[in-house]
Amino acid sequence: MDVEQFLLFEILVALIVGILMFFLFYQTFAAVFPVGCNNNGLIENQFSQAEFGTPNRMEGTPLFRCYGTDACYQNSTANQTCITNWCYYTLWKNGQGSVSAVQACISDPSAYPTVLLNCKSISPQNTAALQSCAQINPSVIANNATTIESCNTNIPTCIQGDDAAWCAPCVGQ
């Protein structure tokens, strides 16, 4: 093994160990760095940053899904949530922009091809379709990083998903 191969090997090992340590101590890092789930019920990502000026914690993204803690998905409002988020992201930055333009975009997004394109596919994987758990019925929450489960705690029936620790048991799938 020559010097170049050895250095490449060392760099690769250090990178792998660094990534493993990040995920191993994720909660500690999340408290120090403004990324990841903070379990306050509010989704904080690029869209909330544009609308409210909050830190972009990347919640709801594939790296930090935060399902059931901050990022919630509700099928009935997902399309409008996506449109609203993209209108703010496109026309409103850090609490500044035209209120009338944003409202016009929300009410008629057809004039904004970017909004329509980004909201063409509505699913739990579309970060713009997610909203803060604090904004919706807390009984409609996500179950994990791959599927969404809509549970009503009074009726133990779940739609589209499997059992989750915070939902009533699913029956009649």
C-alpha atoms as a PDB file:
ATOM      1  CA  MET A   1       0.000   0.000   0.000  1.00  0.00           C
ATOM      2  CA  ASP A   2       1.568   3.260  -1.074  1.00  0.00           C
ATOM      3  CA  VAL A   3       1.249   6.643   0.672  1.00  0.00           C
ATOM      4  CA  GLU A   4      -1.602   7.920  -1.525  1.00  0.00           C
ATOM      5  CA  GLN A   5      -3.734   4.833  -0.909  1.00  0.00           C
ATOM      6  CA  PHE A   6      -3.015   5.007   2.814  1.00  0.00           C
ATOM      7  CA  LEU A   7      -4.057   8.687   2.990  1.00  0.00           C
ATOM      8  CA  LEU A   8      -7.247   7.969   1.035  1.00  0.00           C
ATOM      9  CA  PHE A   9      -8.008   5.092   3.411  1.00  0.00           C
ATOM     10  CA  GLU A  10      -7.390   7.292   6.477  1.00  0.00           C
ATOM     11  CA  ILE A  11      -9.626  10.066   5.125  1.00  0.00           C
ATOM     12  CA  LEU A  12     -12.385   7.589   4.307  1.00  0.00           C
ATOM     13  CA  VAL A  13     -12.254   6.026   7.779  1.00  0.00           C
ATOM     14  CA  ALA A  14     -12.307   9.456   9.448  1.00  0.00           C
ATOM     15  CA  LEU A  15     -15.310  10.500   7.346  1.00  0.00           C
ATOM     16  CA  ILE A  16     -17.243   7.334   8.180  1.00  0.00           C
ATOM     17  CA  VAL A  17     -16.465   7.653  11.899  1.00  0.00           C
ATOM     18  CA  GLY A  18     -17.473  11.335  11.823  1.00  0.00           C
ATOM     19  CA  ILE A  19     -20.820  10.564  10.202  1.00  0.00           C
ATOM     20  CA  LEU A  20     -21.503   7.715  12.627  1.00  0.00           C
ATOM     21  CA  MET A  21     -20.695   9.932  15.613  1.00  0.00           C
ATOM     22  CA  PHE A  22     -23.004  12.654  14.302  1.00  0.00           C
ATOM     23  CA  PHE A  23     -25.962  10.279  14.141  1.00  0.00           C
ATOM     24  CA  LEU A  24     -25.033   8.541  17.374  1.00  0.00           C
ATOM     25  CA  PHE A  25     -25.005  11.812  19.303  1.00  0.00           C
ATOM     26  CA  TYR A  26     -27.693  13.435  17.167  1.00  0.00           C
ATOM     27  CA  GLN A  27     -29.866  14.746  20.025  1.00  0.00           C
ATOM     28  CA  THR A  28     -26.869  16.412  21.667  1.00  0.00           C
ATOM     29  CA  PHE A  29     -25.855  18.027  18.377  1.00  0.00           C
ATOM     30  CA  ALA A  30     -29.430  19.146  17.720  1.00  0.00           C
ATOM     31  CA  ALA A  31     -29.409  21.047  20.996  1.00  0.00           C
ATOM     32  CA  VAL A  32     -26.167  22.814  20.104  1.00  0.00           C
ATOM     33  CA  PHE A  33     -26.545  23.370  16.366  1.00  0.00           C
ATOM     34  CA  PRO A  34     -29.713  24.850  14.833  1.00  0.00           C
ATOM     35  CA  VAL A  35     -30.506  21.753  12.775  1.00  0.00           C
ATOM     36  CA  GLY A  36     -32.670  18.734  13.431  1.00  0.00           C
ATOM     37  CA  CYS A  37     -35.787  18.057  15.435  1.00  0.00           C
ATOM     38  CA  ASN A  38     -36.308  20.123  18.552  1.00  0.00           C
ATOM     39  CA  ASN A  39     -39.639  18.543  19.575  1.00  0.00           C
ATOM     40  CA  ASN A  40     -41.470  21.831  20.098  1.00  0.00           C
ATOM     41  CA  GLY A  41     -44.327  20.967  17.725  1.00  0.00           C
ATOM     42  CA  LEU A  42     -43.268  23.625  15.217  1.00  0.00           C
ATOM     43  CA  ILE A  43     -41.726  22.642  11.900  1.00  0.00           C
ATOM     44  CA  GLU A  44     -38.741  24.837  11.157  1.00  0.00           C
ATOM     45  CA  ASN A  45     -37.304  24.563   7.664  1.00  0.00           C
ATOM     46  CA  GLN A  46     -36.687  26.688   4.574  1.00  0.00           C
ATOM     47  CA  PHE A  47     -40.391  27.520   4.303  1.00  0.00           C
ATOM     48  CA  SER A  48     -40.907  28.670   7.892  1.00  0.00           C
ATOM     49  CA  GLN A  49     -37.643  30.591   7.585  1.00  0.00           C
ATOM     50  CA  ALA A  50     -39.002  32.452   4.559  1.00  0.00           C
ATOM     51  CA  GLU A  51     -42.380  33.118   6.185  1.00  0.00           C
ATOM     52  CA  PHE A  52     -41.452  33.764   9.813  1.00  0.00           C
ATOM     53  CA  GLY A  53     -37.676  34.250   9.812  1.00  0.00           C
ATOM     54  CA  THR A  54     -37.115  31.224  12.067  1.00  0.00           C
ATOM     55  CA  PRO A  55     -33.879  29.217  11.858  1.00  0.00           C
ATOM     56  CA  ASN A  56     -33.782  26.621   9.093  1.00  0.00           C
ATOM     57  CA  ARG A  57     -33.496  23.448  11.172  1.00  0.00           C
ATOM     58  CA  MET A  58     -34.188  21.351   8.032  1.00  0.00           C
ATOM     59  CA  GLU A  59     -37.134  19.655   9.742  1.00  0.00           C
ATOM     60  CA  GLY A  60     -39.248  17.452   7.507  1.00  0.00           C
ATOM     61  CA  THR A  61     -36.353  16.809   5.114  1.00  0.00           C
ATOM     62  CA  PRO A  62     -35.035  13.282   4.421  1.00  0.00           C
ATOM     63  CA  LEU A  63     -32.173  13.902   6.867  1.00  0.00           C
ATOM     64  CA  PHE A  64     -34.367  15.186   9.730  1.00  0.00           C
ATOM     65  CA  ARG A  65     -37.911  13.947   9.186  1.00  0.00           C
ATOM     66  CA  CYS A  66     -39.233  14.841  12.669  1.00  0.00           C
ATOM     67  CA  TYR A  67     -42.479  13.002  11.969  1.00  0.00           C
ATOM     68  CA  GLY A  68     -44.823  12.972  14.920  1.00  0.00           C
ATOM     69  CA  THR A  69     -42.825  15.579  16.835  1.00  0.00           C
ATOM     70  CA  ASP A  70     -42.633  18.712  14.697  1.00  0.00           C
ATOM     71  CA  ALA A  71     -43.553  17.752  11.131  1.00  0.00           C
ATOM     72  CA  CYS A  72     -47.076  16.504  10.546  1.00  0.00           C
ATOM     73  CA  TYR A  73     -48.906  15.573   7.382  1.00  0.00           C
ATOM     74  CA  GLN A  74     -52.638  15.892   6.835  1.00  0.00           C
ATOM     75  CA  ASN A  75     -53.912  14.562   3.525  1.00  0.00           C
ATOM     76  CA  SER A  76     -56.902  16.929   3.311  1.00  0.00           C
ATOM     77  CA  THR A  77     -54.763  20.069   3.623  1.00  0.00           C
ATOM     78  CA  ALA A  78     -51.466  18.892   2.090  1.00  0.00           C
ATOM     79  CA  ASN A  79     -51.984  20.537  -1.300  1.00  0.00           C
ATOM     80  CA  GLN A  80     -52.944  23.929   0.134  1.00  0.00           C
ATOM     81  CA  THR A  81     -50.117  23.710   2.680  1.00  0.00           C
ATOM     82  CA  CYS A  82     -47.646  23.094  -0.143  1.00  0.00           C
ATOM     83  CA  ILE A  83     -48.987  26.023  -2.171  1.00  0.00           C
ATOM     84  CA  THR A  84     -48.893  28.339   0.832  1.00  0.00           C
ATOM     85  CA  ASN A  85     -45.350  27.314   1.749  1.00  0.00           C
ATOM     86  CA  TRP A  86     -44.051  27.764  -1.797  1.00  0.00           C
ATOM     87  CA  CYS A  87     -45.807  31.120  -2.231  1.00  0.00           C
ATOM     88  CA  TYR A  88     -44.125  32.412   0.914  1.00  0.00           C
ATOM     89  CA  TYR A  89     -40.789  30.899  -0.106  1.00  0.00           C
ATOM     90  CA  THR A  90     -41.009  32.457  -3.569  1.00  0.00           C
ATOM     91  CA  LEU A  91     -42.372  35.880  -2.649  1.00  0.00           C
ATOM     92  CA  TRP A  92     -41.557  36.489   1.014  1.00  0.00           C
ATOM     93  CA  LYS A  93     -38.072  36.279   2.519  1.00  0.00           C
ATOM     94  CA  ASN A  94     -37.371  36.554   6.240  1.00  0.00           C
ATOM     95  CA  GLY A  95     -40.530  38.480   7.015  1.00  0.00           C
ATOM     96  CA  GLN A  96     -40.204  40.862   4.067  1.00  0.00           C
ATOM     97  CA  GLY A  97     -42.114  41.008   0.820  1.00  0.00           C
ATOM     98  CA  SER A  98     -45.460  41.893  -0.612  1.00  0.00           C
ATOM     99  CA  VAL A  99     -48.407  40.618   1.406  1.00  0.00           C
ATOM    100  CA  SER A 100     -50.757  41.158  -1.529  1.00  0.00           C
ATOM    101  CA  ALA A 101     -48.504  39.168  -3.878  1.00  0.00           C
ATOM    102  CA  VAL A 102     -48.331  36.268  -1.442  1.00  0.00           C
ATOM    103  CA  GLN A 103     -52.108  36.269  -0.948  1.00  0.00           C
ATOM    104  CA  ALA A 104     -52.660  36.415  -4.720  1.00  0.00           C
ATOM    105  CA  CYS A 105     -50.303  33.463  -5.171  1.00  0.00           C
ATOM    106  CA  ILE A 106     -52.085  31.444  -2.470  1.00  0.00           C
ATOM    107  CA  SER A 107     -55.535  32.104  -3.919  1.00  0.00           C
ATOM    108  CA  ASP A 108     -54.469  31.535  -7.560  1.00  0.00           C
ATOM    109  CA  PRO A 109     -51.129  29.749  -7.914  1.00  0.00           C
ATOM    110  CA  SER A 110     -51.578  29.213 -11.667  1.00  0.00           C
ATOM    111  CA  ALA A 111     -49.547  32.371 -12.367  1.00  0.00           C
ATOM    112  CA  TYR A 112     -46.556  30.811 -10.575  1.00  0.00           C
ATOM    113  CA  PRO A 113     -45.219  27.775 -12.486  1.00  0.00           C
ATOM    114  CA  THR A 114     -42.598  27.054  -9.799  1.00  0.00           C
ATOM    115  CA  VAL A 115     -45.283  26.688  -7.142  1.00  0.00           C
ATOM    116  CA  LEU A 116     -47.376  24.380  -9.310  1.00  0.00           C
ATOM    117  CA  LEU A 117     -44.357  22.283 -10.280  1.00  0.00           C
ATOM    118  CA  ASN A 118     -43.201  21.858  -6.680  1.00  0.00           C
ATOM    119  CA  CYS A 119     -46.698  20.954  -5.519  1.00  0.00           C
ATOM    120  CA  LYS A 120     -47.433  18.554  -8.365  1.00  0.00           C
ATOM    121  CA  SER A 121     -46.629  15.519  -6.227  1.00  0.00           C
ATOM    122  CA  ILE A 122     -48.141  15.761  -2.761  1.00  0.00           C
ATOM    123  CA  SER A 123     -46.897  13.177  -0.315  1.00  0.00           C
ATOM    124  CA  PRO A 124     -45.335  13.034   3.151  1.00  0.00           C
ATOM    125  CA  GLN A 125     -41.947  13.127   1.422  1.00  0.00           C
ATOM    126  CA  ASN A 126     -42.705  16.594  -0.006  1.00  0.00           C
ATOM    127  CA  THR A 127     -41.355  18.883   2.716  1.00  0.00           C
ATOM    128  CA  ALA A 128     -43.631  21.718   1.601  1.00  0.00           C
ATOM    129  CA  ALA A 129     -46.709  19.553   2.218  1.00  0.00           C
ATOM    130  CA  LEU A 130     -45.842  19.194   5.907  1.00  0.00           C
ATOM    131  CA  GLN A 131     -47.016  21.587   8.568  1.00  0.00           C
ATOM    132  CA  SER A 132     -46.366  22.139  12.236  1.00  0.00           C
ATOM    133  CA  CYS A 133     -47.882  19.503  14.479  1.00  0.00           C
ATOM    134  CA  ALA A 134     -49.070  22.325  16.712  1.00  0.00           C
ATOM    135  CA  GLN A 135     -51.229  23.675  13.858  1.00  0.00           C
ATOM    136  CA  ILE A 136     -53.297  20.577  13.218  1.00  0.00           C
ATOM    137  CA  ASN A 137     -55.324  18.041  15.135  1.00  0.00           C
ATOM    138  CA  PRO A 138     -52.715  16.280  17.287  1.00  0.00           C
ATOM    139  CA  SER A 139     -54.425  12.941  16.638  1.00  0.00           C
ATOM    140  CA  VAL A 140     -53.372  13.155  12.978  1.00  0.00           C
ATOM    141  CA  ILE A 141     -49.667  12.503  13.134  1.00  0.00           C
ATOM    142  CA  ALA A 142     -46.935  10.698  11.263  1.00  0.00           C
ATOM    143  CA  ASN A 143     -45.643   7.322  12.295  1.00  0.00           C
ATOM    144  CA  ASN A 144     -42.111   7.134  10.927  1.00  0.00           C
ATOM    145  CA  ALA A 145     -39.773   8.234   8.183  1.00  0.00           C
ATOM    146  CA  THR A 146     -41.436   6.297   5.378  1.00  0.00           C
ATOM    147  CA  THR A 147     -45.182   6.221   5.892  1.00  0.00           C
ATOM    148  CA  ILE A 148     -47.843   8.428   7.350  1.00  0.00           C
ATOM    149  CA  GLU A 149     -50.585   7.183   9.543  1.00  0.00           C
ATOM    150  CA  SER A 150     -53.787   9.066  10.164  1.00  0.00           C
ATOM    151  CA  CYS A 151     -55.109   7.980  13.524  1.00  0.00           C
ATOM    152  CA  ASN A 152     -58.098   9.157  15.449  1.00  0.00           C
ATOM    153  CA  THR A 153     -57.487   8.357  19.098  1.00  0.00           C
ATOM    154  CA  ASN A 154     -61.233   7.886  19.675  1.00  0.00           C
ATOM    155  CA  ILE A 155     -61.605   5.430  16.786  1.00  0.00           C
ATOM    156  CA  PRO A 156     -58.792   2.875  16.689  1.00  0.00           C
ATOM    157  CA  THR A 157     -58.618   2.766  12.904  1.00  0.00           C
ATOM    158  CA  CYS A 158     -55.622   3.798  10.901  1.00  0.00           C
ATOM    159  CA  ILE A 159     -55.317   4.767   7.296  1.00  0.00           C
ATOM    160  CA  GLN A 160     -52.234   4.106   5.210  1.00  0.00           C
ATOM    161  CA  GLY A 161     -49.544   2.953   7.562  1.00  0.00           C
ATOM    162  CA  ASP A 162     -48.746   0.645  10.414  1.00  0.00           C
ATOM    163  CA  ASP A 163     -48.922   0.775  14.178  1.00  0.00           C
ATOM    164  CA  ALA A 164     -47.137   3.637  15.852  1.00  0.00           C
ATOM    165  CA  ALA A 165     -46.262   4.102  19.485  1.00  0.00           C
ATOM    166  CA  TRP A 166     -48.324   7.276  19.732  1.00  0.00           C
ATOM    167  CA  CYS A 167     -51.402   6.025  17.881  1.00  0.00           C
ATOM    168  CA  ALA A 168     -54.182   3.733  18.938  1.00  0.00           C
ATOM    169  CA  PRO A 169     -53.774   0.195  17.568  1.00  0.00           C
ATOM    170  CA  CYS A 170     -54.690  -0.129  13.918  1.00  0.00           C
ATOM    171  CA  VAL A 171     -57.570  -2.425  13.057  1.00  0.00           C
ATOM    172  CA  GLY A 172     -59.415  -3.154   9.865  1.00  0.00           C
ATOM    173  CA  GLN A 173     -56.568  -2.266   7.517  1.00  0.00           C
END
